[in-house]
Amino acid sequence: MNTIFRKSVLGVAGLAFAGGMVAGPLNHDTTAAAMASSPAAAVAVQADKPDMGKLIPHGVQGAQSRIDLSDEQVANVKAIIAATKKAGMDERAAVVAIGTALQESKLENLGHLGERNDHDSQGLFQQRPSSGWGTVEQITDPEYSTMAFLKGLKQVDGWQDMPLTVAAQTVQVSAYPDHYAQWEQQAADLVAEHWNS
């Protein structure tokens, strides 16, 4: 899965989160607000996130890369997580899948890129119809392409005990097998953020 000729210009998300409180009636109940700011409430919110030791059991390998994500890319993260749950697989499988998609497409559901295309690779995982991954319509569907990737991952004996880059490479058979490693931290952070959302 050659990524050299992939789309190089990424849309930079202009996400800005604005928060604030709108003043309510003078007699409104402040108990909920007080509880939300208490340390116990903060611990309860953190407990809902998957354990980072489970998400990155082997630690990250090498220098890590990170990109800002657009709304479309975040939607693709959520689609990968939903498909992982549907496949009955755990958070670690989602980290492997998201890390793979970060390397292959920067989480963009790419169509055919003309002369810049790597053979007939398309979609989040740059799967090839000619290699039996499915039709163009299927592999450009985030749920289908994730399920196809996870089906391949399930067939890798001991994938749970492998570093991300080894597990991903065993499924993808990339010309650049070590490139998946650079996305493990961002993939884990994304799973931690969106697994229970």
Protein backbone atom coordinates (compact mmCIF):
# COMPACT_ATOMS: atom_id res chain seq x y z
CA MET A 1 0.00 0.00 0.00
CA ASN A 2 2.21 2.78 -1.27
CA THR A 3 1.32 6.06 0.37
CA ILE A 4 3.89 8.26 -1.38
CA PHE A 5 1.43 9.32 -4.04
CA ARG A 6 -1.51 9.80 -1.71
CA LYS A 7 -3.37 13.03 -1.48
CA SER A 8 -0.93 15.36 0.26
CA VAL A 9 -3.12 18.27 1.13
CA LEU A 10 -5.22 17.66 4.17
CA GLY A 11 -8.10 19.83 5.20
CA VAL A 12 -7.23 21.44 8.47
CA ALA A 13 -10.10 21.48 10.82
CA GLY A 14 -11.13 24.78 12.18
CA LEU A 15 -12.67 23.27 15.21
CA ALA A 16 -13.21 25.61 18.06
CA PHE A 17 -15.08 24.69 21.12
CA ALA A 18 -16.75 27.47 22.98
CA GLY A 19 -18.12 26.92 26.40
CA GLY A 20 -19.93 29.02 28.86
CA MET A 21 -22.89 29.22 31.09
CA VAL A 22 -26.03 31.11 30.42
CA ALA A 23 -27.40 32.70 33.55
CA GLY A 24 -30.67 31.14 34.61
CA PRO A 25 -33.24 32.20 37.12
CA LEU A 26 -31.91 33.35 40.46
CA ASN A 27 -33.35 30.33 42.21
CA HIS A 28 -31.87 27.70 39.89
CA ASP A 29 -30.18 24.66 41.44
CA THR A 30 -26.36 24.88 41.47
CA THR A 31 -25.86 21.42 43.00
CA ALA A 32 -25.24 19.74 39.62
CA ALA A 33 -22.69 22.39 38.64
CA ALA A 34 -20.92 22.04 41.97
CA MET A 35 -20.81 18.25 41.63
CA ALA A 36 -19.47 18.46 38.08
CA SER A 37 -16.54 20.55 39.28
CA SER A 38 -15.70 18.26 42.19
CA PRO A 39 -12.64 15.95 41.97
CA ALA A 40 -14.84 12.87 42.44
CA ALA A 41 -16.90 13.79 39.36
CA ALA A 42 -13.72 14.31 37.33
CA VAL A 43 -12.49 10.84 38.33
CA ALA A 44 -15.84 9.31 37.30
CA VAL A 45 -15.60 10.92 33.86
CA GLN A 46 -12.02 9.68 33.42
CA ALA A 47 -13.04 6.16 34.45
CA ASP A 48 -15.26 5.98 31.35
CA LYS A 49 -12.22 6.19 29.08
CA PRO A 50 -10.39 3.01 28.08
CA ASP A 51 -7.14 2.37 29.92
CA MET A 52 -4.12 3.61 27.96
CA GLY A 53 -2.20 0.48 29.01
CA LYS A 54 -4.78 -1.60 27.14
CA LEU A 55 -4.74 0.71 24.13
CA ILE A 56 -0.93 0.74 23.82
CA PRO A 57 0.22 -2.45 25.58
CA HIS A 58 3.69 -2.43 23.99
CA GLY A 59 4.38 1.31 24.16
CA VAL A 60 4.84 3.37 21.03
CA GLN A 61 7.68 2.63 18.64
CA GLY A 62 9.74 5.49 17.23
CA ALA A 63 8.81 9.10 16.62
CA GLN A 64 5.10 9.77 16.58
CA SER A 65 3.18 11.83 14.03
CA ARG A 66 -0.04 13.72 14.64
CA ILE A 67 -2.47 15.58 12.40
CA ASP A 68 -5.42 17.84 13.09
CA LEU A 69 -8.68 16.21 12.05
CA SER A 70 -11.62 17.67 10.15
CA ASP A 71 -15.22 16.83 11.03
CA GLU A 72 -15.19 14.25 8.21
CA GLN A 73 -12.08 12.56 9.59
CA VAL A 74 -13.58 12.44 13.11
CA ALA A 75 -16.74 10.92 11.61
CA ASN A 76 -14.52 8.25 10.03
CA VAL A 77 -12.89 7.58 13.42
CA LYS A 78 -16.35 7.07 14.91
CA ALA A 79 -17.33 4.79 12.01
CA ILE A 80 -14.22 2.66 12.58
CA ILE A 81 -14.99 2.40 16.30
CA ALA A 82 -18.64 1.49 15.61
CA ALA A 83 -17.59 -1.20 13.13
CA THR A 84 -15.04 -2.56 15.61
CA LYS A 85 -17.74 -2.91 18.25
CA LYS A 86 -20.08 -4.50 15.68
CA ALA A 87 -17.33 -7.03 14.87
CA GLY A 88 -17.15 -7.90 18.58
CA MET A 89 -13.58 -6.68 18.89
CA ASP A 90 -12.02 -4.57 21.62
CA GLU A 91 -10.43 -1.15 21.94
CA ARG A 92 -6.99 -2.43 20.91
CA ALA A 93 -8.42 -3.60 17.58
CA ALA A 94 -9.81 -0.08 17.08
CA VAL A 95 -6.35 1.39 17.77
CA VAL A 96 -4.80 -0.90 15.16
CA ALA A 97 -7.54 -0.05 12.64
CA ILE A 98 -7.37 3.71 13.21
CA GLY A 99 -3.56 3.71 13.16
CA THR A 100 -3.69 1.83 9.86
CA ALA A 101 -6.21 4.26 8.37
CA LEU A 102 -4.13 7.23 9.57
CA GLN A 103 -1.17 5.87 7.61
CA GLU A 104 -3.08 4.76 4.55
CA SER A 105 -5.41 7.72 4.01
CA LYS A 106 -5.05 10.18 6.90
CA LEU A 107 -8.58 9.01 7.77
CA GLU A 108 -9.96 10.38 4.50
CA ASN A 109 -12.26 8.13 2.50
CA LEU A 110 -10.28 8.48 -0.72
CA GLY A 111 -11.67 7.70 -4.13
CA HIS A 112 -9.48 6.99 -7.12
CA LEU A 113 -6.70 9.58 -7.35
CA GLY A 114 -5.99 9.19 -11.05
CA GLU A 115 -2.27 9.11 -11.87
CA ARG A 116 -1.42 9.52 -8.17
CA ASN A 117 -3.31 6.36 -7.25
CA ASP A 118 -1.43 3.32 -5.95
CA HIS A 119 -2.81 0.76 -8.42
CA ASP A 120 -6.55 0.60 -7.65
CA SER A 121 -6.32 1.37 -3.90
CA GLN A 122 -9.23 3.32 -2.43
CA GLY A 123 -11.03 4.14 0.81
CA LEU A 124 -9.84 4.59 4.38
CA PHE A 125 -7.58 1.53 4.28
CA GLN A 126 -6.51 1.87 0.64
CA GLN A 127 -7.90 -1.56 -0.14
CA ARG A 128 -7.77 -2.86 -3.70
CA PRO A 129 -10.71 -4.37 -5.56
CA SER A 130 -8.22 -6.33 -7.69
CA SER A 131 -6.86 -7.96 -4.52
CA GLY A 132 -10.27 -9.17 -3.41
CA TRP A 133 -11.11 -6.57 -0.77
CA GLY A 134 -14.49 -5.84 -2.37
CA THR A 135 -16.02 -3.57 -4.97
CA VAL A 136 -15.17 0.13 -5.16
CA GLU A 137 -18.55 0.90 -3.59
CA GLN A 138 -17.82 -1.49 -0.73
CA ILE A 139 -14.27 -0.41 0.08
CA THR A 140 -15.25 3.25 0.05
CA ASP A 141 -17.91 2.52 2.67
CA PRO A 142 -16.26 3.09 6.10
CA GLU A 143 -18.17 0.32 7.85
CA TYR A 144 -17.51 -2.26 5.13
CA SER A 145 -13.82 -1.37 4.76
CA THR A 146 -13.28 -1.50 8.52
CA MET A 147 -15.04 -4.86 8.80
CA ALA A 148 -12.89 -6.18 5.92
CA PHE A 149 -9.72 -4.95 7.66
CA LEU A 150 -10.81 -6.47 10.99
CA LYS A 151 -11.64 -9.78 9.30
CA GLY A 152 -8.04 -9.85 8.08
CA LEU A 153 -6.77 -8.87 11.53
CA LYS A 154 -8.73 -11.69 13.20
CA GLN A 155 -6.90 -14.15 10.94
CA VAL A 156 -3.51 -13.00 12.25
CA ASP A 157 -2.53 -15.36 15.06
CA GLY A 158 -1.50 -13.41 18.13
CA TRP A 159 -2.25 -9.95 16.71
CA GLN A 160 -3.18 -8.80 20.23
CA ASP A 161 0.42 -9.41 21.32
CA MET A 162 2.00 -7.62 18.35
CA PRO A 163 3.10 -4.02 18.07
CA LEU A 164 0.61 -2.04 15.97
CA THR A 165 2.93 -1.78 12.97
CA VAL A 166 3.44 -5.56 12.82
CA ALA A 167 -0.28 -6.34 13.12
CA ALA A 168 -1.19 -3.70 10.52
CA GLN A 169 1.52 -4.82 8.11
CA THR A 170 0.45 -8.45 8.35
CA VAL A 171 -2.99 -7.45 7.09
CA GLN A 172 -2.02 -4.68 4.68
CA VAL A 173 1.24 -6.02 3.17
CA SER A 174 2.55 -2.50 2.62
CA ALA A 175 5.73 -1.53 0.82
CA TYR A 176 6.45 0.59 3.92
CA PRO A 177 5.78 -1.76 6.85
CA ASP A 178 7.28 0.42 9.58
CA HIS A 179 5.25 3.53 8.74
CA TYR A 180 2.20 2.42 10.74
CA ALA A 181 4.09 2.77 14.03
CA GLN A 182 4.13 6.57 13.91
CA TRP A 183 0.35 6.79 14.36
CA GLU A 184 -0.09 4.61 17.44
CA GLN A 185 -0.31 7.43 20.00
CA GLN A 186 -2.84 9.47 18.04
CA ALA A 187 -4.87 6.35 17.29
CA ALA A 188 -4.94 5.46 21.00
CA ASP A 189 -5.88 9.01 21.94
CA LEU A 190 -8.75 8.94 19.43
CA VAL A 191 -10.05 5.61 20.75
CA ALA A 192 -9.81 6.90 24.33
CA GLU A 193 -11.79 9.99 23.33
CA HIS A 194 -14.48 8.36 21.21
CA TRP A 195 -14.89 4.74 22.36
CA ASN A 196 -17.68 5.61 24.81
CA SER A 197 -19.02 8.71 23.06
